PDB file of all heavy atoms in Angstrom:
ATOM      1  N   LYS A   1     -55.794  17.926  22.658  1.00  0.00           N
ATOM      2  CA  LYS A   1     -54.614  17.371  23.125  1.00  0.00           C
ATOM      3  C   LYS A   1     -53.723  16.614  21.992  1.00  0.00           C
ATOM      4  O   LYS A   1     -52.484  16.703  21.849  1.00  0.00           O
ATOM      5  CB  LYS A   1     -54.746  16.292  24.335  1.00  0.00           C
ATOM      6  CG  LYS A   1     -55.272  16.846  25.586  1.00  0.00           C
ATOM      7  CD  LYS A   1     -55.432  15.765  26.538  1.00  0.00           C
ATOM      8  CE  LYS A   1     -56.299  16.121  27.649  1.00  0.00           C
ATOM      9  NZ  LYS A   1     -56.579  14.995  28.523  1.00  0.00           N
ATOM     10  N   THR A   2     -54.429  15.829  21.229  1.00  0.00           N
ATOM     11  CA  THR A   2     -53.780  14.947  20.376  1.00  0.00           C
ATOM     12  C   THR A   2     -53.876  15.726  18.884  1.00  0.00           C
ATOM     13  O   THR A   2     -53.186  14.978  17.940  1.00  0.00           O
ATOM     14  CB  THR A   2     -54.581  13.626  20.202  1.00  0.00           C
ATOM     15  OG1 THR A   2     -55.884  13.896  19.690  1.00  0.00           O
ATOM     16  CG2 THR A   2     -54.536  13.013  21.515  1.00  0.00           C
ATOM     17  N   ARG A   3     -54.559  16.706  18.651  1.00  0.00           N
ATOM     18  CA  ARG A   3     -54.620  17.327  17.304  1.00  0.00           C
ATOM     19  C   ARG A   3     -55.267  16.467  16.164  1.00  0.00           C
ATOM     20  O   ARG A   3     -55.061  16.566  15.110  1.00  0.00           O
ATOM     21  CB  ARG A   3     -53.323  17.828  16.794  1.00  0.00           C
ATOM     22  CG  ARG A   3     -52.610  18.885  17.795  1.00  0.00           C
ATOM     23  CD  ARG A   3     -51.749  19.715  17.102  1.00  0.00           C
ATOM     24  NE  ARG A   3     -51.118  20.726  17.834  1.00  0.00           N
ATOM     25  CZ  ARG A   3     -51.503  22.015  17.937  1.00  0.00           C
ATOM     26  NH1 ARG A   3     -52.560  22.377  17.101  1.00  0.00           N
ATOM     27  NH2 ARG A   3     -50.869  22.874  18.769  1.00  0.00           N
ATOM     28  N   LYS A   4     -56.031  15.558  16.695  1.00  0.00           N
ATOM     29  CA  LYS A   4     -56.906  14.697  15.769  1.00  0.00           C
ATOM     30  C   LYS A   4     -58.053  15.451  15.368  1.00  0.00           C
ATOM     31  O   LYS A   4     -58.505  16.373  16.090  1.00  0.00           O
ATOM     32  CB  LYS A   4     -57.294  13.339  16.363  1.00  0.00           C
ATOM     33  CG  LYS A   4     -56.043  12.406  16.687  1.00  0.00           C
ATOM     34  CD  LYS A   4     -56.580  11.155  17.268  1.00  0.00           C
ATOM     35  CE  LYS A   4     -55.448  10.162  17.556  1.00  0.00           C
ATOM     36  NZ  LYS A   4     -55.875   8.921  18.197  1.00  0.00           N
ATOM     37  N   ARG A   5     -58.836  14.876  14.345  1.00  0.00           N
ATOM     38  CA  ARG A   5     -60.064  15.579  13.893  1.00  0.00           C
ATOM     39  C   ARG A   5     -61.114  15.093  14.816  1.00  0.00           C
ATOM     40  O   ARG A   5     -61.281  13.821  15.123  1.00  0.00           O
ATOM     41  CB  ARG A   5     -60.308  15.024  12.482  1.00  0.00           C
ATOM     42  CG  ARG A   5     -61.511  15.723  11.775  1.00  0.00           C
ATOM     43  CD  ARG A   5     -61.565  15.414  10.325  1.00  0.00           C
ATOM     44  NE  ARG A   5     -62.723  15.847   9.764  1.00  0.00           N
ATOM     45  CZ  ARG A   5     -62.816  16.870   8.893  1.00  0.00           C
ATOM     46  NH1 ARG A   5     -61.643  17.445   8.477  1.00  0.00           N
ATOM     47  NH2 ARG A   5     -63.917  17.328   8.312  1.00  0.00           N
ATOM     48  N   PRO A   6     -62.049  16.051  15.309  1.00  0.00           N
ATOM     49  CA  PRO A   6     -63.095  15.620  16.203  1.00  0.00           C
ATOM     50  C   PRO A   6     -64.209  14.737  15.487  1.00  0.00           C
ATOM     51  O   PRO A   6     -64.257  14.676  14.276  1.00  0.00           O
ATOM     52  CB  PRO A   6     -63.701  16.893  16.607  1.00  0.00           C
ATOM     53  CG  PRO A   6     -63.218  17.961  15.629  1.00  0.00           C
ATOM     54  CD  PRO A   6     -61.869  17.403  14.970  1.00  0.00           C
ATOM     55  N   ALA A   7     -65.008  14.065  16.359  1.00  0.00           N
ATOM     56  CA  ALA A   7     -65.989  13.244  15.838  1.00  0.00           C
ATOM     57  C   ALA A   7     -67.147  14.024  14.975  1.00  0.00           C
ATOM     58  O   ALA A   7     -67.568  13.515  14.021  1.00  0.00           O
ATOM     59  CB  ALA A   7     -66.739  12.468  16.960  1.00  0.00           C
ATOM     60  N   CYS A   8     -67.275  15.295  15.454  1.00  0.00           N
ATOM     61  CA  CYS A   8     -68.234  16.123  14.725  1.00  0.00           C
ATOM     62  C   CYS A   8     -67.539  17.338  14.371  1.00  0.00           C
ATOM     63  O   CYS A   8     -67.541  18.294  15.135  1.00  0.00           O
ATOM     64  CB  CYS A   8     -69.590  16.451  15.484  1.00  0.00           C
ATOM     65  SG  CYS A   8     -70.699  17.338  14.346  1.00  0.00           S
ATOM     66  N   ASP A   9     -66.845  17.439  13.274  1.00  0.00           N
ATOM     67  CA  ASP A   9     -66.082  18.674  12.885  1.00  0.00           C
ATOM     68  C   ASP A   9     -66.982  19.761  12.571  1.00  0.00           C
ATOM     69  O   ASP A   9     -68.161  19.575  12.265  1.00  0.00           O
ATOM     70  CB  ASP A   9     -65.221  18.212  11.636  1.00  0.00           C
ATOM     71  CG  ASP A   9     -63.988  19.185  11.555  1.00  0.00           C
ATOM     72  OD1 ASP A   9     -63.639  19.756  12.461  1.00  0.00           O
ATOM     73  OD2 ASP A   9     -63.538  19.419  10.353  1.00  0.00           O
ATOM     74  N   ILE A  10     -66.403  20.871  12.442  1.00  0.00           N
ATOM     75  CA  ILE A  10     -67.215  22.208  12.218  1.00  0.00           C
ATOM     76  C   ILE A  10     -68.016  21.990  10.814  1.00  0.00           C
ATOM     77  O   ILE A  10     -69.093  22.464  10.618  1.00  0.00           O
ATOM     78  CB  ILE A  10     -66.397  23.451  12.273  1.00  0.00           C
ATOM     79  CG1 ILE A  10     -67.370  24.589  12.346  1.00  0.00           C
ATOM     80  CG2 ILE A  10     -65.379  23.476  11.172  1.00  0.00           C
ATOM     81  CD1 ILE A  10     -66.779  25.810  12.982  1.00  0.00           C
ATOM     82  N   GLU A  11     -67.243  21.410   9.867  1.00  0.00           N
ATOM     83  CA  GLU A  11     -68.006  21.284   8.464  1.00  0.00           C
ATOM     84  C   GLU A  11     -69.070  20.407   8.530  1.00  0.00           C
ATOM     85  O   GLU A  11     -70.209  20.613   7.989  1.00  0.00           O
ATOM     86  CB  GLU A  11     -66.990  20.815   7.432  1.00  0.00           C
ATOM     87  CG  GLU A  11     -65.960  21.841   7.026  1.00  0.00           C
ATOM     88  CD  GLU A  11     -64.618  21.703   7.808  1.00  0.00           C
ATOM     89  OE1 GLU A  11     -64.574  20.794   8.753  1.00  0.00           O
ATOM     90  OE2 GLU A  11     -63.763  22.565   7.625  1.00  0.00           O
ATOM     91  N   ASP A  12     -68.998  19.250   9.412  1.00  0.00           N
ATOM     92  CA  ASP A  12     -70.168  18.334   9.579  1.00  0.00           C
ATOM     93  C   ASP A  12     -71.384  19.097  10.297  1.00  0.00           C
ATOM     94  O   ASP A  12     -72.549  18.933  10.009  1.00  0.00           O
ATOM     95  CB  ASP A  12     -69.776  17.208  10.382  1.00  0.00           C
ATOM     96  CG  ASP A  12     -68.661  16.397   9.653  1.00  0.00           C
ATOM     97  OD1 ASP A  12     -68.508  16.385   8.496  1.00  0.00           O
ATOM     98  OD2 ASP A  12     -67.919  15.783  10.408  1.00  0.00           O
ATOM     99  N   GLY A  13     -70.954  19.919  11.289  1.00  0.00           N
ATOM    100  CA  GLY A  13     -72.010  20.554  11.974  1.00  0.00           C
ATOM    101  C   GLY A  13     -72.784  21.656  11.025  1.00  0.00           C
ATOM    102  O   GLY A  13     -73.948  21.749  11.162  1.00  0.00           O
ATOM    103  N   LEU A  14     -71.940  22.291  10.252  1.00  0.00           N
ATOM    104  CA  LEU A  14     -72.607  23.239   9.283  1.00  0.00           C
ATOM    105  C   LEU A  14     -73.526  22.463   8.376  1.00  0.00           C
ATOM    106  O   LEU A  14     -74.707  22.862   8.193  1.00  0.00           O
ATOM    107  CB  LEU A  14     -71.645  24.040   8.501  1.00  0.00           C
ATOM    108  CG  LEU A  14     -72.129  24.835   7.386  1.00  0.00           C
ATOM    109  CD1 LEU A  14     -72.844  25.975   7.949  1.00  0.00           C
ATOM    110  CD2 LEU A  14     -70.994  25.317   6.469  1.00  0.00           C
ATOM    111  N   ARG A  15     -73.127  21.386   7.859  1.00  0.00           N
ATOM    112  CA  ARG A  15     -73.928  20.691   6.809  1.00  0.00           C
ATOM    113  C   ARG A  15     -75.174  20.046   7.429  1.00  0.00           C
ATOM    114  O   ARG A  15     -76.232  20.079   6.802  1.00  0.00           O
ATOM    115  CB  ARG A  15     -73.037  19.489   6.125  1.00  0.00           C
ATOM    116  CG  ARG A  15     -72.041  20.036   5.218  1.00  0.00           C
ATOM    117  CD  ARG A  15     -71.395  18.966   4.500  1.00  0.00           C
ATOM    118  NE  ARG A  15     -70.251  19.365   3.717  1.00  0.00           N
ATOM    119  CZ  ARG A  15     -68.956  19.206   4.027  1.00  0.00           C
ATOM    120  NH1 ARG A  15     -68.613  18.520   5.191  1.00  0.00           N
ATOM    121  NH2 ARG A  15     -68.101  19.796   3.341  1.00  0.00           N
ATOM    122  N   SER A  16     -75.123  19.669   8.605  1.00  0.00           N
ATOM    123  CA  SER A  16     -76.274  19.143   9.246  1.00  0.00           C
ATOM    124  C   SER A  16     -77.245  20.261   9.819  1.00  0.00           C
ATOM    125  O   SER A  16     -78.402  19.917  10.133  1.00  0.00           O
ATOM    126  CB  SER A  16     -75.880  18.225  10.503  1.00  0.00           C
ATOM    127  OG  SER A  16     -75.197  19.000  11.515  1.00  0.00           O
ATOM    128  N   SER A  17     -76.888  21.434  10.026  1.00  0.00           N
ATOM    129  CA  SER A  17     -77.725  22.384  10.599  1.00  0.00           C
ATOM    130  C   SER A  17     -78.060  23.561   9.650  1.00  0.00           C
ATOM    131  O   SER A  17     -79.066  24.296   9.934  1.00  0.00           O
ATOM    132  CB  SER A  17     -77.101  23.024  11.854  1.00  0.00           C
ATOM    133  OG  SER A  17     -75.838  23.705  11.522  1.00  0.00           O
ATOM    134  N   ALA A  18     -77.470  23.732   8.531  1.00  0.00           N
ATOM    135  CA  ALA A  18     -77.701  24.885   7.558  1.00  0.00           C
ATOM    136  C   ALA A  18     -79.050  24.909   7.118  1.00  0.00           C
ATOM    137  O   ALA A  18     -79.754  26.047   7.084  1.00  0.00           O
ATOM    138  CB  ALA A  18     -76.666  24.846   6.417  1.00  0.00           C
ATOM    139  N   THR A  19     -79.574  23.813   6.687  1.00  0.00           N
ATOM    140  CA  THR A  19     -80.941  23.720   6.177  1.00  0.00           C
ATOM    141  C   THR A  19     -81.993  24.164   7.240  1.00  0.00           C
ATOM    142  O   THR A  19     -82.920  24.900   6.979  1.00  0.00           O
ATOM    143  CB  THR A  19     -81.302  22.438   5.587  1.00  0.00           C
ATOM    144  OG1 THR A  19     -80.422  22.060   4.722  1.00  0.00           O
ATOM    145  CG2 THR A  19     -82.684  22.221   5.004  1.00  0.00           C
ATOM    146  N   CYS A  20     -81.888  23.759   8.485  1.00  0.00           N
ATOM    147  CA  CYS A  20     -82.722  24.038   9.476  1.00  0.00           C
ATOM    148  C   CYS A  20     -82.697  25.455   9.872  1.00  0.00           C
ATOM    149  O   CYS A  20     -83.604  26.160   9.958  1.00  0.00           O
ATOM    150  CB  CYS A  20     -82.451  23.204  10.757  1.00  0.00           C
ATOM    151  SG  CYS A  20     -82.672  21.497  10.547  1.00  0.00           S
ATOM    152  N   LEU A  21     -81.498  26.141   9.877  1.00  0.00           N
ATOM    153  CA  LEU A  21     -81.220  27.420  10.231  1.00  0.00           C
ATOM    154  C   LEU A  21     -81.879  28.287   9.021  1.00  0.00           C
ATOM    155  O   LEU A  21     -82.441  29.364   9.381  1.00  0.00           O
ATOM    156  CB  LEU A  21     -79.798  27.840  10.301  1.00  0.00           C
ATOM    157  CG  LEU A  21     -79.146  27.120  11.574  1.00  0.00           C
ATOM    158  CD1 LEU A  21     -77.657  27.314  11.436  1.00  0.00           C
ATOM    159  CD2 LEU A  21     -79.657  27.707  12.782  1.00  0.00           C
ATOM    160  N   LEU A  22     -81.773  27.940   7.783  1.00  0.00           N
ATOM    161  CA  LEU A  22     -82.339  28.717   6.703  1.00  0.00           C
ATOM    162  C   LEU A  22     -83.834  28.622   6.743  1.00  0.00           C
ATOM    163  O   LEU A  22     -84.538  29.631   6.461  1.00  0.00           O
ATOM    164  CB  LEU A  22     -81.920  28.126   5.353  1.00  0.00           C
ATOM    165  CG  LEU A  22     -80.442  28.556   5.016  1.00  0.00           C
ATOM    166  CD1 LEU A  22     -80.115  27.717   3.732  1.00  0.00           C
ATOM    167  CD2 LEU A  22     -80.332  29.867   4.791  1.00  0.00           C
ATOM    168  N   GLY A  23     -84.384  27.601   7.225  1.00  0.00           N
ATOM    169  CA  GLY A  23     -85.874  27.453   7.414  1.00  0.00           C
ATOM    170  C   GLY A  23     -86.331  28.296   8.537  1.00  0.00           C
ATOM    171  O   GLY A  23     -87.411  28.941   8.426  1.00  0.00           O
ATOM    172  N   VAL A  24     -85.528  28.529   9.582  1.00  0.00           N
ATOM    173  CA  VAL A  24     -85.903  29.425  10.681  1.00  0.00           C
ATOM    174  C   VAL A  24     -85.909  30.872  10.131  1.00  0.00           C
ATOM    175  O   VAL A  24     -86.847  31.571  10.443  1.00  0.00           O
ATOM    176  CB  VAL A  24     -84.900  29.278  11.868  1.00  0.00           C
ATOM    177  CG1 VAL A  24     -85.227  30.333  12.931  1.00  0.00           C
ATOM    178  CG2 VAL A  24     -85.199  27.867  12.535  1.00  0.00           C
ATOM    179  N   VAL A  25     -84.971  31.248   9.403  1.00  0.00           N
ATOM    180  CA  VAL A  25     -84.930  32.606   8.797  1.00  0.00           C
ATOM    181  C   VAL A  25     -86.033  32.734   7.879  1.00  0.00           C
ATOM    182  O   VAL A  25     -86.701  33.865   8.003  1.00  0.00           O
ATOM    183  CB  VAL A  25     -83.559  32.768   8.061  1.00  0.00           C
ATOM    184  CG1 VAL A  25     -83.539  34.097   7.300  1.00  0.00           C
ATOM    185  CG2 VAL A  25     -82.349  32.720   9.048  1.00  0.00           C
ATOM    186  N   ALA A  26     -86.534  31.816   7.084  1.00  0.00           N
ATOM    187  CA  ALA A  26     -87.544  31.975   6.140  1.00  0.00           C
ATOM    188  C   ALA A  26     -88.873  32.204   7.002  1.00  0.00           C
ATOM    189  O   ALA A  26     -89.684  33.019   6.597  1.00  0.00           O
ATOM    190  CB  ALA A  26     -87.539  30.885   5.189  1.00  0.00           C
ATOM    191  N   LEU A  27     -88.942  31.386   8.070  1.00  0.00           N
ATOM    192  CA  LEU A  27     -90.209  31.361   8.896  1.00  0.00           C
ATOM    193  C   LEU A  27     -90.327  32.870   9.470  1.00  0.00           C
ATOM    194  O   LEU A  27     -91.389  33.426   9.482  1.00  0.00           O
ATOM    195  CB  LEU A  27     -90.244  30.306   9.838  1.00  0.00           C
ATOM    196  CG  LEU A  27     -91.349  30.257  10.838  1.00  0.00           C
ATOM    197  CD1 LEU A  27     -92.620  29.792  10.111  1.00  0.00           C
ATOM    198  CD2 LEU A  27     -91.126  29.216  11.971  1.00  0.00           C
ATOM    199  N   ARG A  28     -89.260  33.375  10.184  1.00  0.00           N
ATOM    200  CA  ARG A  28     -89.324  34.563  10.873  1.00  0.00           C
ATOM    201  C   ARG A  28     -89.359  35.670   9.980  1.00  0.00           C
ATOM    202  O   ARG A  28     -90.057  36.760  10.385  1.00  0.00           O
ATOM    203  CB  ARG A  28     -88.015  34.643  11.846  1.00  0.00           C
ATOM    204  CG  ARG A  28     -88.116  33.620  12.835  1.00  0.00           C
ATOM    205  CD  ARG A  28     -86.884  33.922  13.840  1.00  0.00           C
ATOM    206  NE  ARG A  28     -87.046  32.954  14.894  1.00  0.00           N
ATOM    207  CZ  ARG A  28     -85.999  32.676  15.817  1.00  0.00           C
ATOM    208  NH1 ARG A  28     -84.886  33.397  15.684  1.00  0.00           N
ATOM    209  NH2 ARG A  28     -86.147  31.911  16.731  1.00  0.00           N
ATOM    210  N   THR A  29     -88.883  35.641   8.810  1.00  0.00           N
ATOM    211  CA  THR A  29     -89.021  36.704   7.764  1.00  0.00           C
ATOM    212  C   THR A  29     -90.298  36.634   6.974  1.00  0.00           C
ATOM    213  O   THR A  29     -90.580  37.501   6.066  1.00  0.00           O
ATOM    214  CB  THR A  29     -87.808  36.875   6.838  1.00  0.00           C
ATOM    215  OG1 THR A  29     -87.626  35.793   6.246  1.00  0.00           O
ATOM    216  CG2 THR A  29     -86.576  37.184   7.680  1.00  0.00           C
ATOM    217  N   ARG A  30     -91.182  35.641   7.203  1.00  0.00           N
ATOM    218  CA  ARG A  30     -92.208  35.241   6.294  1.00  0.00           C
ATOM    219  C   ARG A  30     -91.995  35.161   4.850  1.00  0.00           C
ATOM    220  O   ARG A  30     -92.752  35.542   4.049  1.00  0.00           O
ATOM    221  CB  ARG A  30     -93.290  36.246   6.535  1.00  0.00           C
ATOM    222  CG  ARG A  30     -93.690  36.401   7.972  1.00  0.00           C
ATOM    223  CD  ARG A  30     -94.889  35.543   8.412  1.00  0.00           C
ATOM    224  NE  ARG A  30     -95.353  35.801   9.685  1.00  0.00           N
ATOM    225  CZ  ARG A  30     -95.377  35.044  10.740  1.00  0.00           C
ATOM    226  NH1 ARG A  30     -94.788  33.850  10.550  1.00  0.00           N
ATOM    227  NH2 ARG A  30     -95.806  35.379  11.846  1.00  0.00           N
ATOM    228  N   ARG A  31     -90.787  34.858   4.521  1.00  0.00           N
ATOM    229  CA  ARG A  31     -90.310  34.624   3.050  1.00  0.00           C
ATOM    230  C   ARG A  31     -89.857  33.236   2.773  1.00  0.00           C
ATOM    231  O   ARG A  31     -89.081  32.671   3.353  1.00  0.00           O
ATOM    232  CB  ARG A  31     -89.320  35.571   2.707  1.00  0.00           C
ATOM    233  CG  ARG A  31     -89.774  37.134   2.836  1.00  0.00           C
ATOM    234  CD  ARG A  31     -88.789  38.012   2.278  1.00  0.00           C
ATOM    235  NE  ARG A  31     -88.646  37.683   0.848  1.00  0.00           N
ATOM    236  CZ  ARG A  31     -87.700  38.280   0.173  1.00  0.00           C
ATOM    237  NH1 ARG A  31     -86.893  39.215   0.791  1.00  0.00           N
ATOM    238  NH2 ARG A  31     -87.566  38.009  -1.048  1.00  0.00           N
TER     239      ARG A  31
END
């Protein structure tokens, strides 16, 4: 509605989850 920046912007979400997601990929591919 207001066009303000959200409390958790998409860049913040990426930075907070990228390491975990890479860990899951490494675990599933056994690499």
